[in-house]
Amino acid sequence: MRTVKQEVIESYVEKVYGYAINHTYSREEADELAQEILFTVVRELPKLRDENKFEPWLWSIANNVTKSFRRNMGKQRAMYSYDTLEKLPFEDEYFDEEEEIYDSLRTKIAMLSEIYRDIIVLYYYDGLSTKTISERLKIPEGTVRWRLSEARKKLKKECTDMKETALRPVKMWLDIYGNGNYNGKTIPFPTVYIDDALSQNILYYCYEQANSIEELAKLCGVPAYYIEERIQNLLKREAIIEVSNGKYQTDFVIWSDKYGIYCEENAEKALMPIMEKLLKALDGIAEEAAAIDFYKAEKSEADLFYLYGVMAFSYASWRYNSLPYPAFKKRYDGNEWCYIGNMETGKHHRIGISRQHSANLGSRGSCNHTSYLVSGIKFRKMMYANYINVCEDILCNGTTEDTYSAADAIRDGYIVKREDGSFFVTAPFFTKEQKAEFEAIADKYFAPLIPEYSEIVNKFISGYKKLFPKHLNDDADRMCHNIFIGMYEVVLKYVQRTGAIKMPSPNCYCDVLIQYK
């Protein structure tokens, strides 16, 4: 049963912990000092004659305990982490009847320690308001503001030599590329585990050069133990590597404006000697491809021109691209992939054709869907396998029995249900034979240009690859391999600017369904 004595002392746990935060230099020290103050109060409380003077009496004890604590700082002490609640040894014996109070105080201090540790990150790095933090932690907003104030004082004391970057968090978009089986719900993408704001900033500061935990603390403006916890998680999730003893570096490419600046200054200039030949080839491919009797999804010839072009460049890359593309290593989850980060401002355009590819393997296993991110055209994500299934049903049979998946595909715009009840697939579709016919056309026009085109691409990437950190050689090779198809975007920007081709329609997507068996 809780006693009046226990209730009075526990009502001061919050204030005592705040006091300890201001009089120590690490979370572990704050935990220990708070416990020593409160346990001393428990032992000495029977000696207090006037209970109305409890608070000044408590702070007098806190002051004396703190002085003793500081004198013994150089001695080896028992350290207790916030999530390990062992019994704390004391030189003075205490009565068994006090043990319940001691255990309760340890638990409360452990909970407070975790909240103080995280609140500065929630506020500064995750950008949450005090109201949102109060809702997340289930404590009053006023308490959040008070703890935030105490945390700020702690930062000023502990991080006296912060860099000018401190508490100015950067924002990064994270994704993966490669192969993996994820559904986003029960099996989330790996980025879920490293996408918190402080981890993003650690990844940013460790990209160009290796940094220690202490250096990262100064750059980010938070105590070292915040950084250490994130570092351990980033190592576990294979997002960083330890390049030397205590020095860490990001283990994947993070796009920034420097890559776009290089492309703007060099890409179009590099292609100019062959630009007219490429345009003539694209015109020829579009004219002959239009005669193929594939499902065109009622798209205009102007919109289809963009699809023909990206499919032709994709084919040429598959057939003639000799640039290395290192295999992905197997990750901690058993899949083969790599992270990719992006911090571009949008002011400078990096060339590249992003592709998302999916197939209905494991179900019908005869179709795939590829969605391209092409200059001037809206992008939509690749289809799920069940979406591909119902699209294939509709294209081959006119309807589908999987009405549940069809409803989801309609919601996401891959299928339209018309007023007469019929279904309309919004992506073009090539049978296996029609795809082979298209590739023969692409080869007819592209094959004569490949030697000159390959030489231009190789010369361009000789400078481009120098922008990547040296330890990311495999990642740089993959990025440079994609320049072969990415140059198509340079061609598009040139012809759009000069008016040589029509702009795509406002609601145009560049995606295609292809039968592969």
Protein backbone atom coordinates (compact mmCIF):
# COMPACT_ATOMS: atom_id res chain seq x y z
CA MET A 1 0.00 0.00 0.00
CA ARG A 2 1.27 3.46 -0.87
CA THR A 3 2.07 5.65 2.12
CA VAL A 4 1.77 9.43 2.51
CA LYS A 5 5.56 9.49 2.81
CA GLN A 6 5.96 7.74 -0.53
CA GLU A 7 3.43 9.99 -2.29
CA VAL A 8 5.12 13.17 -1.07
CA ILE A 9 8.57 12.08 -2.23
CA GLU A 10 7.36 10.77 -5.59
CA SER A 11 5.63 14.09 -6.27
CA TYR A 12 9.11 15.68 -6.35
CA VAL A 13 10.78 13.15 -8.69
CA GLU A 14 10.28 15.37 -11.75
CA LYS A 15 11.82 18.46 -10.13
CA VAL A 16 14.70 16.52 -8.63
CA TYR A 17 15.53 14.97 -11.98
CA GLY A 18 15.47 18.40 -13.62
CA TYR A 19 17.85 19.60 -10.89
CA ALA A 20 20.15 16.64 -11.60
CA ILE A 21 20.09 17.38 -15.34
CA ASN A 22 21.43 20.87 -14.60
CA HIS A 23 24.17 19.67 -12.26
CA THR A 24 25.69 16.80 -14.26
CA TYR A 25 27.27 16.21 -17.64
CA SER A 26 25.68 13.00 -18.92
CA ARG A 27 22.45 11.09 -18.73
CA GLU A 28 24.03 8.38 -16.58
CA GLU A 29 25.30 10.96 -14.07
CA ALA A 30 21.87 12.65 -13.92
CA ASP A 31 20.23 9.29 -13.23
CA GLU A 32 22.67 8.53 -10.46
CA LEU A 33 22.57 11.95 -8.79
CA ALA A 34 18.75 12.03 -8.83
CA GLN A 35 18.65 8.60 -7.21
CA GLU A 36 21.16 9.54 -4.54
CA ILE A 37 19.24 12.73 -3.67
CA LEU A 38 15.89 10.96 -3.43
CA PHE A 39 17.23 7.96 -1.54
CA THR A 40 18.88 10.30 0.97
CA VAL A 41 15.55 12.09 1.38
CA VAL A 42 13.87 8.72 2.07
CA ARG A 43 16.40 7.84 4.78
CA GLU A 44 16.41 11.29 6.40
CA LEU A 45 12.70 12.07 6.23
CA PRO A 46 11.93 10.71 9.74
CA LYS A 47 14.25 13.39 11.14
CA LEU A 48 12.19 16.23 9.61
CA ARG A 49 10.16 17.75 12.44
CA ASP A 50 8.16 20.36 10.48
CA GLU A 51 6.58 18.85 7.38
CA ASN A 52 5.63 22.35 6.13
CA LYS A 53 9.35 22.97 5.53
CA PHE A 54 9.72 19.83 3.40
CA GLU A 55 10.68 21.57 0.13
CA PRO A 56 13.50 23.84 1.43
CA TRP A 57 14.74 20.86 3.48
CA LEU A 58 14.78 18.70 0.30
CA TRP A 59 16.81 21.24 -1.68
CA SER A 60 19.26 21.58 1.18
CA ILE A 61 19.81 17.81 1.01
CA ALA A 62 20.08 18.03 -2.79
CA ASN A 63 22.81 20.66 -2.47
CA ASN A 64 24.81 18.60 0.05
CA VAL A 65 24.46 15.36 -1.94
CA THR A 66 25.55 17.16 -5.12
CA LYS A 67 28.70 18.50 -3.46
CA SER A 68 29.59 14.99 -2.29
CA PHE A 69 28.70 13.59 -5.70
CA ARG A 70 31.07 16.01 -7.45
CA ARG A 71 33.92 15.22 -5.05
CA ASN A 72 33.60 11.56 -5.95
CA MET A 73 33.28 12.06 -9.71
CA GLY A 74 36.82 10.82 -10.30
CA LYS A 75 36.21 7.57 -8.48
CA GLN A 76 34.89 4.48 -10.18
CA ARG A 77 31.14 4.42 -9.67
CA ALA A 78 28.30 2.03 -10.43
CA MET A 79 26.53 3.24 -13.56
CA TYR A 80 22.92 2.38 -14.27
CA SER A 81 21.37 2.85 -17.69
CA TYR A 82 17.80 4.02 -18.05
CA ASP A 83 16.51 0.59 -19.04
CA THR A 84 18.43 -1.53 -16.50
CA LEU A 85 16.90 -1.23 -13.07
CA GLU A 86 19.26 -3.19 -10.82
CA LYS A 87 19.41 -2.59 -7.07
CA LEU A 88 21.63 0.35 -6.19
CA PRO A 89 24.22 -0.50 -3.51
CA PHE A 90 24.67 1.88 -0.57
CA GLU A 91 27.30 2.01 2.10
CA ASP A 92 24.60 2.80 4.69
CA GLU A 93 22.11 0.05 5.32
CA TYR A 94 18.43 0.78 4.88
CA PHE A 95 15.37 -0.91 6.28
CA ASP A 96 13.53 -3.50 4.19
CA GLU A 97 10.32 -1.52 4.61
CA GLU A 98 11.81 1.26 2.44
CA GLU A 99 12.56 -1.09 -0.45
CA GLU A 100 9.20 -0.48 -2.14
CA ILE A 101 9.87 3.25 -2.23
CA TYR A 102 13.36 2.73 -3.64
CA ASP A 103 12.06 0.51 -6.44
CA SER A 104 9.30 2.97 -7.30
CA LEU A 105 11.78 5.87 -7.45
CA ARG A 106 14.16 3.94 -9.69
CA THR A 107 11.33 3.20 -12.10
CA LYS A 108 10.20 6.82 -12.23
CA ILE A 109 13.72 8.07 -12.78
CA ALA A 110 14.22 5.54 -15.57
CA MET A 111 11.09 6.81 -17.31
CA LEU A 112 12.12 10.45 -16.89
CA SER A 113 15.61 9.72 -18.18
CA GLU A 114 14.25 8.36 -21.44
CA ILE A 115 11.92 11.32 -21.92
CA TYR A 116 14.64 13.91 -21.26
CA ARG A 117 16.91 12.03 -23.58
CA ASP A 118 14.44 12.10 -26.46
CA ILE A 119 12.59 15.39 -26.06
CA ILE A 120 15.27 17.59 -27.64
CA VAL A 121 15.36 15.28 -30.68
CA LEU A 122 11.58 15.26 -31.01
CA TYR A 123 11.48 19.06 -30.89
CA TYR A 124 14.53 20.11 -32.91
CA TYR A 125 15.11 17.20 -35.25
CA ASP A 126 11.67 15.71 -35.83
CA GLY A 127 10.20 19.22 -35.88
CA LEU A 128 7.28 18.34 -33.60
CA SER A 129 5.40 21.02 -31.71
CA THR A 130 5.16 20.89 -27.93
CA LYS A 131 1.49 19.98 -28.36
CA THR A 132 2.31 17.02 -30.61
CA ILE A 133 5.07 15.90 -28.25
CA SER A 134 2.65 16.04 -25.31
CA GLU A 135 0.20 13.86 -27.24
CA ARG A 136 2.92 11.38 -28.19
CA LEU A 137 4.37 11.13 -24.67
CA LYS A 138 0.94 11.42 -23.01
CA ILE A 139 2.01 14.19 -20.65
CA PRO A 140 0.71 17.80 -20.27
CA GLU A 141 2.01 20.35 -22.77
CA GLY A 142 3.23 22.54 -19.93
CA THR A 143 5.36 19.67 -18.67
CA VAL A 144 6.81 19.27 -22.15
CA ARG A 145 7.74 22.95 -22.29
CA TRP A 146 9.38 22.74 -18.87
CA ARG A 147 11.37 19.65 -19.80
CA LEU A 148 12.37 21.26 -23.08
CA SER A 149 13.65 24.26 -21.13
CA GLU A 150 15.71 21.97 -18.89
CA ALA A 151 17.01 20.12 -21.95
CA ARG A 152 18.11 23.41 -23.55
CA LYS A 153 20.07 24.29 -20.41
CA LYS A 154 21.67 20.87 -20.57
CA LEU A 155 22.70 21.42 -24.17
CA LYS A 156 24.28 24.78 -23.38
CA LYS A 157 26.34 23.19 -20.64
CA GLU A 158 27.36 20.03 -22.47
CA CYS A 159 27.91 21.35 -25.99
CA THR A 160 29.83 24.55 -25.43
CA ASP A 161 31.79 24.10 -28.67
CA MET A 162 28.98 23.34 -31.10
CA LYS A 163 29.51 24.07 -34.78
CA GLU A 164 27.35 26.64 -36.54
CA THR A 165 25.39 23.71 -37.98
CA ALA A 166 24.12 22.73 -34.53
CA LEU A 167 20.35 22.40 -34.17
CA ARG A 168 19.85 23.24 -37.86
CA PRO A 169 18.72 19.84 -39.06
CA VAL A 170 18.79 18.97 -42.73
CA LYS A 171 16.03 16.98 -44.37
CA MET A 172 16.64 14.00 -46.59
CA TRP A 173 14.48 11.71 -48.71
CA LEU A 174 15.45 8.04 -48.35
CA ASP A 175 14.63 5.02 -50.50
CA ILE A 176 16.17 1.73 -51.62
CA TYR A 177 16.94 0.25 -55.01
CA GLY A 178 17.65 -3.36 -55.86
CA ASN A 179 15.55 -6.40 -55.06
CA GLY A 180 13.32 -7.13 -52.10
CA ASN A 181 9.93 -8.40 -51.06
CA TYR A 182 8.16 -5.69 -49.04
CA ASN A 183 4.51 -4.85 -48.62
CA GLY A 184 4.92 -1.66 -46.58
CA LYS A 185 2.78 -2.94 -43.69
CA THR A 186 3.88 -6.19 -42.06
CA ILE A 187 7.17 -6.02 -43.99
CA PRO A 188 8.21 -2.34 -44.13
CA PHE A 189 10.89 -0.92 -46.38
CA PRO A 190 14.30 -0.81 -44.63
CA THR A 191 14.26 3.00 -44.67
CA VAL A 192 11.63 2.93 -41.91
CA TYR A 193 14.35 2.07 -39.41
CA ILE A 194 16.74 4.93 -40.30
CA ASP A 195 14.39 7.73 -41.35
CA ASP A 196 14.25 9.69 -38.09
CA ALA A 197 15.56 13.22 -38.34
CA LEU A 198 18.70 12.80 -36.21
CA SER A 199 19.76 9.71 -38.17
CA GLN A 200 19.31 11.66 -41.40
CA ASN A 201 21.65 14.36 -40.13
CA ILE A 202 24.26 11.84 -39.05
CA LEU A 203 24.10 10.28 -42.52
CA TYR A 204 24.49 13.71 -44.10
CA TYR A 205 27.53 14.71 -42.04
CA CYS A 206 29.19 11.33 -42.60
CA TYR A 207 28.74 11.32 -46.38
CA GLU A 208 31.70 13.34 -47.65
CA GLN A 209 34.03 12.43 -44.80
CA ALA A 210 34.22 10.13 -41.81
CA ASN A 211 33.35 11.58 -38.41
CA SER A 212 33.55 10.42 -34.82
CA ILE A 213 30.68 10.47 -32.34
CA GLU A 214 32.18 13.51 -30.64
CA GLU A 215 32.50 15.38 -33.95
CA LEU A 216 28.92 14.49 -34.88
CA ALA A 217 27.69 15.76 -31.52
CA LYS A 218 29.21 19.17 -32.27
CA LEU A 219 27.85 19.21 -35.83
CA CYS A 220 24.32 18.15 -34.81
CA GLY A 221 24.25 20.06 -31.53
CA VAL A 222 23.16 17.22 -29.27
CA PRO A 223 25.02 15.32 -26.54
CA ALA A 224 27.23 12.45 -27.65
CA TYR A 225 25.05 9.76 -26.11
CA TYR A 226 22.17 10.73 -28.44
CA ILE A 227 24.52 10.22 -31.38
CA GLU A 228 25.91 6.95 -30.05
CA GLU A 229 22.47 5.36 -29.88
CA ARG A 230 21.68 6.33 -33.48
CA ILE A 231 25.09 5.15 -34.65
CA GLN A 232 24.48 1.70 -33.23
CA ASN A 233 21.18 1.46 -35.06
CA LEU A 234 22.67 2.75 -38.34
CA LEU A 235 25.41 0.12 -38.11
CA LYS A 236 22.83 -2.58 -37.46
CA ARG A 237 20.78 -1.42 -40.46
CA GLU A 238 23.91 -1.30 -42.67
CA ALA A 239 23.52 2.40 -43.45
CA ILE A 240 26.98 3.38 -42.20
CA ILE A 241 30.37 1.70 -41.84
CA GLU A 242 33.16 2.17 -39.34
CA VAL A 243 36.05 3.14 -41.62
CA SER A 244 38.57 3.35 -38.77
CA ASN A 245 38.52 3.11 -35.00
CA GLY A 246 35.61 5.33 -33.94
CA LYS A 247 35.17 7.01 -37.34
CA TYR A 248 31.95 6.43 -39.31
CA GLN A 249 30.93 7.08 -42.89
CA THR A 250 27.63 6.78 -44.77
CA ASP A 251 27.58 3.67 -46.95
CA PHE A 252 25.33 4.80 -49.79
CA VAL A 253 24.92 7.63 -52.28
CA ILE A 254 23.21 10.84 -51.19
CA TRP A 255 22.29 13.04 -54.13
CA SER A 256 22.96 16.76 -53.72
CA ASP A 257 23.07 19.75 -56.05
CA LYS A 258 26.72 19.20 -57.00
CA TYR A 259 25.70 16.28 -59.22
CA GLY A 260 23.04 18.35 -60.95
CA ILE A 261 25.44 21.24 -61.49
CA TYR A 262 27.89 18.91 -63.22
CA CYS A 263 25.12 17.58 -65.46
CA GLU A 264 23.90 21.06 -66.39
CA GLU A 265 27.39 22.16 -67.29
CA ASN A 266 28.42 19.09 -69.26
CA ALA A 267 25.61 16.76 -70.42
CA GLU A 268 23.97 18.66 -73.28
CA LYS A 269 27.33 19.96 -74.44
CA ALA A 270 28.64 16.39 -74.58
CA LEU A 271 25.65 15.20 -76.68
CA MET A 272 25.60 18.02 -79.21
CA PRO A 273 27.85 16.26 -81.77
CA ILE A 274 25.31 13.44 -82.01
CA MET A 275 22.07 15.25 -81.08
CA GLU A 276 20.56 15.51 -84.57
CA LYS A 277 21.32 11.84 -85.27
CA LEU A 278 19.55 10.82 -82.05
CA LEU A 279 16.49 12.95 -82.88
CA LYS A 280 16.28 11.43 -86.34
CA ALA A 281 16.50 7.94 -84.83
CA LEU A 282 13.74 8.70 -82.30
CA ASP A 283 11.47 10.06 -85.04
CA GLY A 284 12.02 6.91 -87.10
CA ILE A 285 11.31 4.64 -84.13
CA ALA A 286 8.10 6.52 -83.26
CA GLU A 287 6.82 6.36 -86.84
CA GLU A 288 7.37 2.61 -87.21
CA ALA A 289 6.29 1.73 -83.64
CA ALA A 290 2.93 3.45 -84.20
CA ALA A 291 2.16 0.79 -86.82
CA ILE A 292 2.47 -2.03 -84.27
CA ASP A 293 -0.99 -3.22 -83.24
CA PHE A 294 -0.37 -3.05 -79.47
CA TYR A 295 -2.84 -1.78 -76.85
CA LYS A 296 -2.22 1.98 -76.80
CA ALA A 297 -4.57 2.86 -73.90
CA GLU A 298 -6.05 5.65 -76.07
CA LYS A 299 -2.89 7.72 -75.67
CA SER A 300 -2.03 10.39 -78.24
CA GLU A 301 0.93 9.96 -80.57
CA ALA A 302 2.62 12.87 -78.81
CA ASP A 303 2.39 11.07 -75.46
CA LEU A 304 3.44 7.76 -76.97
CA PHE A 305 6.55 9.43 -78.46
CA TYR A 306 7.94 9.73 -74.92
CA LEU A 307 7.20 6.07 -74.16
CA TYR A 308 8.78 4.89 -77.41
CA GLY A 309 11.90 6.89 -76.65
CA VAL A 310 12.43 5.61 -73.13
CA MET A 311 11.72 2.03 -74.21
CA ALA A 312 14.23 2.40 -77.07
CA PHE A 313 16.94 3.78 -74.78
CA SER A 314 16.19 1.02 -72.24
CA TYR A 315 16.61 -1.59 -74.95
CA ALA A 316 19.85 0.00 -76.17
CA SER A 317 21.19 0.03 -72.62
CA TRP A 318 20.31 -3.64 -72.16
CA ARG A 319 21.87 -4.59 -75.50
CA TYR A 320 24.92 -2.32 -75.76
CA ASN A 321 25.75 -0.78 -72.38
CA SER A 322 29.19 -2.09 -71.38
CA LEU A 323 29.53 0.03 -68.24
CA PRO A 324 29.93 -2.05 -65.05
CA TYR A 325 26.94 -2.70 -62.82
CA PRO A 326 28.17 -4.42 -59.62
CA ALA A 327 25.91 -6.98 -58.00
CA PHE A 328 24.11 -6.03 -54.79
CA LYS A 329 25.27 -7.68 -51.60
CA LYS A 330 22.78 -9.55 -49.45
CA ARG A 331 21.48 -7.38 -46.62
CA TYR A 332 20.52 -8.12 -43.03
CA ASP A 333 16.95 -8.93 -44.10
CA GLY A 334 18.05 -11.49 -46.73
CA ASN A 335 17.26 -9.22 -49.70
CA GLU A 336 19.68 -7.59 -52.13
CA TRP A 337 19.43 -3.80 -52.24
CA CYS A 338 21.12 -0.53 -51.39
CA TYR A 339 19.92 2.69 -49.78
CA ILE A 340 19.73 5.92 -51.78
CA GLY A 341 19.36 9.40 -50.31
CA ASN A 342 18.38 12.73 -51.83
CA MET A 343 18.95 16.28 -50.61
CA GLU A 344 18.66 18.12 -53.91
CA THR A 345 17.05 21.55 -53.77
CA GLY A 346 15.48 21.33 -57.23
CA LYS A 347 17.53 24.26 -58.51
CA HIS A 348 19.86 22.01 -60.50
CA HIS A 349 18.77 19.06 -62.58
CA ARG A 350 20.66 15.78 -62.41
CA ILE A 351 20.11 13.61 -65.45
CA GLY A 352 18.66 10.17 -65.06
CA ILE A 353 15.64 8.05 -65.87
CA SER A 354 14.17 6.56 -62.71
CA ARG A 355 12.45 3.24 -63.22
CA GLN A 356 10.26 1.14 -60.98
CA HIS A 357 9.67 -2.40 -62.12
CA SER A 358 7.29 -5.05 -60.81
CA ALA A 359 5.94 -8.39 -62.04
CA ASN A 360 3.21 -10.79 -61.04
CA LEU A 361 5.70 -13.53 -60.21
CA GLY A 362 4.22 -16.11 -57.92
CA SER A 363 0.72 -15.56 -59.28
CA ARG A 364 0.09 -15.79 -63.02
CA GLY A 365 3.69 -14.90 -63.76
CA SER A 366 3.36 -13.62 -67.31
CA CYS A 367 3.33 -9.78 -67.17
CA ASN A 368 5.42 -6.98 -65.75
CA HIS A 369 4.84 -3.29 -65.23
CA THR A 370 7.48 -0.59 -65.62
CA SER A 371 6.95 3.03 -64.64
CA TYR A 372 9.41 5.68 -65.84
CA LEU A 373 10.14 9.11 -64.40
CA VAL A 374 10.72 11.15 -67.57
CA SER A 375 11.23 14.90 -67.97
CA GLY A 376 7.93 16.79 -68.15
CA ILE A 377 5.77 13.75 -67.38
CA LYS A 378 3.94 12.81 -64.20
CA PHE A 379 5.15 9.73 -62.36
CA ARG A 380 3.15 6.97 -60.74
CA LYS A 381 4.47 4.02 -58.80
CA MET A 382 4.79 0.50 -60.12
CA MET A 383 1.76 -1.77 -59.80
CA TYR A 384 1.36 -4.42 -57.14
CA ALA A 385 1.20 -8.01 -58.42
CA ASN A 386 -2.58 -8.21 -57.90
CA TYR A 387 -3.04 -5.00 -59.94
CA ILE A 388 -1.08 -6.56 -62.80
CA ASN A 389 -3.26 -9.66 -62.53
CA VAL A 390 -6.54 -7.78 -62.91
CA CYS A 391 -5.13 -5.62 -65.74
CA GLU A 392 -4.07 -8.78 -67.53
CA ASP A 393 -7.55 -10.26 -66.99
CA ILE A 394 -9.21 -7.19 -68.47
CA LEU A 395 -6.84 -6.92 -71.43
CA CYS A 396 -7.15 -10.60 -72.30
CA ASN A 397 -10.74 -11.36 -71.25
CA GLY A 398 -12.48 -8.00 -70.96
CA THR A 399 -13.28 -8.42 -67.26
CA THR A 400 -11.96 -9.82 -63.97
CA GLU A 401 -13.35 -11.84 -61.10
CA ASP A 402 -11.02 -10.21 -58.58
CA THR A 403 -13.29 -7.26 -57.87
CA TYR A 404 -11.47 -6.39 -54.63
CA SER A 405 -8.12 -5.85 -56.40
CA ALA A 406 -9.88 -4.14 -59.28
CA ALA A 407 -11.40 -1.64 -56.85
CA ASP A 408 -7.95 -0.83 -55.44
CA ALA A 409 -6.50 -0.46 -58.95
CA ILE A 410 -9.37 1.88 -59.88
CA ARG A 411 -8.70 3.95 -56.77
CA ASP A 412 -5.01 4.28 -57.75
CA GLY A 413 -5.80 5.14 -61.38
CA TYR A 414 -4.49 2.03 -63.13
CA ILE A 415 -8.01 1.04 -64.21
CA VAL A 416 -11.08 3.15 -65.06
CA LYS A 417 -14.62 1.83 -64.74
CA ARG A 418 -16.78 3.35 -67.47
CA GLU A 419 -20.45 4.25 -67.27
CA ASP A 420 -21.46 1.08 -69.11
CA GLY A 421 -19.70 -1.03 -66.44
CA SER A 422 -16.73 -1.99 -68.58
CA PHE A 423 -13.12 -1.67 -67.42
CA PHE A 424 -10.40 0.35 -69.13
CA VAL A 425 -6.69 -0.18 -68.40
CA THR A 426 -4.81 3.14 -68.44
CA ALA A 427 -1.33 1.77 -69.24
CA PRO A 428 -0.26 0.62 -72.75
CA PHE A 429 0.32 -3.12 -73.17
CA PHE A 430 2.72 -5.06 -75.40
CA THR A 431 2.48 -8.78 -75.95
CA LYS A 432 5.76 -10.71 -76.05
CA GLU A 433 5.68 -10.71 -79.86
CA GLN A 434 4.88 -6.99 -80.07
CA LYS A 435 7.75 -6.20 -77.71
CA ALA A 436 10.16 -8.16 -79.94
CA GLU A 437 8.86 -6.23 -82.95
CA PHE A 438 9.48 -2.92 -81.18
CA GLU A 439 13.01 -3.91 -80.15
CA ALA A 440 13.85 -4.82 -83.75
CA ILE A 441 12.81 -1.30 -84.79
CA ALA A 442 14.85 0.27 -81.97
CA ASP A 443 17.91 -1.76 -82.93
CA LYS A 444 17.57 -0.76 -86.58
CA TYR A 445 17.91 2.93 -85.71
CA PHE A 446 20.21 2.78 -82.67
CA ALA A 447 22.82 0.18 -83.62
CA PRO A 448 24.68 2.49 -86.08
CA LEU A 449 24.94 5.21 -83.40
CA ILE A 450 26.21 3.07 -80.52
CA PRO A 451 30.00 3.44 -81.03
CA GLU A 452 29.85 7.25 -81.07
CA TYR A 453 27.21 7.42 -78.36
CA SER A 454 29.14 5.07 -76.04
CA GLU A 455 32.30 7.14 -76.42
CA ILE A 456 30.40 10.30 -75.45
CA VAL A 457 28.86 8.63 -72.38
CA ASN A 458 32.21 7.23 -71.23
CA LYS A 459 33.84 10.64 -71.48
CA PHE A 460 31.02 12.27 -69.53
CA ILE A 461 31.13 9.78 -66.63
CA SER A 462 34.92 10.00 -66.33
CA GLY A 463 34.33 13.35 -64.62
CA TYR A 464 30.97 12.50 -63.08
CA LYS A 465 32.33 9.56 -61.10
CA LYS A 466 34.86 11.79 -59.35
CA LEU A 467 31.97 13.45 -57.46
CA PHE A 468 31.25 10.29 -55.44
CA PRO A 469 33.14 9.43 -52.20
CA LYS A 470 35.88 6.92 -52.98
CA HIS A 471 34.57 4.18 -50.70
CA LEU A 472 31.29 4.11 -52.71
CA ASN A 473 32.88 2.79 -55.90
CA ASP A 474 30.23 0.08 -56.47
CA ASP A 475 27.39 2.55 -55.93
CA ALA A 476 29.08 5.07 -58.24
CA ASP A 477 29.39 2.42 -60.95
CA ARG A 478 25.65 1.67 -60.71
CA MET A 479 24.78 5.36 -60.92
CA CYS A 480 27.11 5.86 -63.89
CA HIS A 481 25.75 2.75 -65.62
CA ASN A 482 22.36 4.45 -65.68
CA ILE A 483 23.78 7.49 -67.48
CA PHE A 484 23.53 5.41 -70.67
CA ILE A 485 19.73 5.60 -70.54
CA GLY A 486 19.69 8.87 -68.60
CA MET A 487 21.02 10.81 -71.59
CA TYR A 488 17.54 10.36 -73.10
CA GLU A 489 16.35 12.99 -70.64
CA VAL A 490 18.99 15.42 -71.95
CA VAL A 491 17.64 14.85 -75.45
CA LEU A 492 14.08 15.49 -74.28
CA LYS A 493 14.96 18.74 -72.52
CA TYR A 494 16.75 19.94 -75.64
CA VAL A 495 13.86 19.20 -78.01
CA GLN A 496 11.27 20.56 -75.57
CA ARG A 497 13.21 23.79 -75.23
CA THR A 498 13.67 24.15 -78.99
CA GLY A 499 10.08 23.14 -79.80
CA ALA A 500 11.13 20.16 -81.87
CA ILE A 501 8.49 17.93 -80.24
CA LYS A 502 5.14 18.52 -78.54
CA MET A 503 4.92 18.62 -74.78
CA PRO A 504 3.08 15.67 -73.21
CA SER A 505 -0.54 16.06 -72.13
CA PRO A 506 -1.10 17.24 -68.53
CA ASN A 507 -2.24 13.82 -67.28
CA CYS A 508 0.30 11.74 -69.16
CA TYR A 509 2.13 8.90 -67.41
CA CYS A 510 5.06 7.05 -68.92
CA ASP A 511 4.41 3.43 -67.92
CA VAL A 512 3.82 0.17 -69.75
CA LEU A 513 2.66 -3.39 -69.22
CA ILE A 514 4.66 -6.04 -71.09
CA GLN A 515 3.99 -9.74 -71.47
CA TYR A 516 7.18 -11.72 -71.05
CA LYS A 517 5.97 -15.29 -71.59
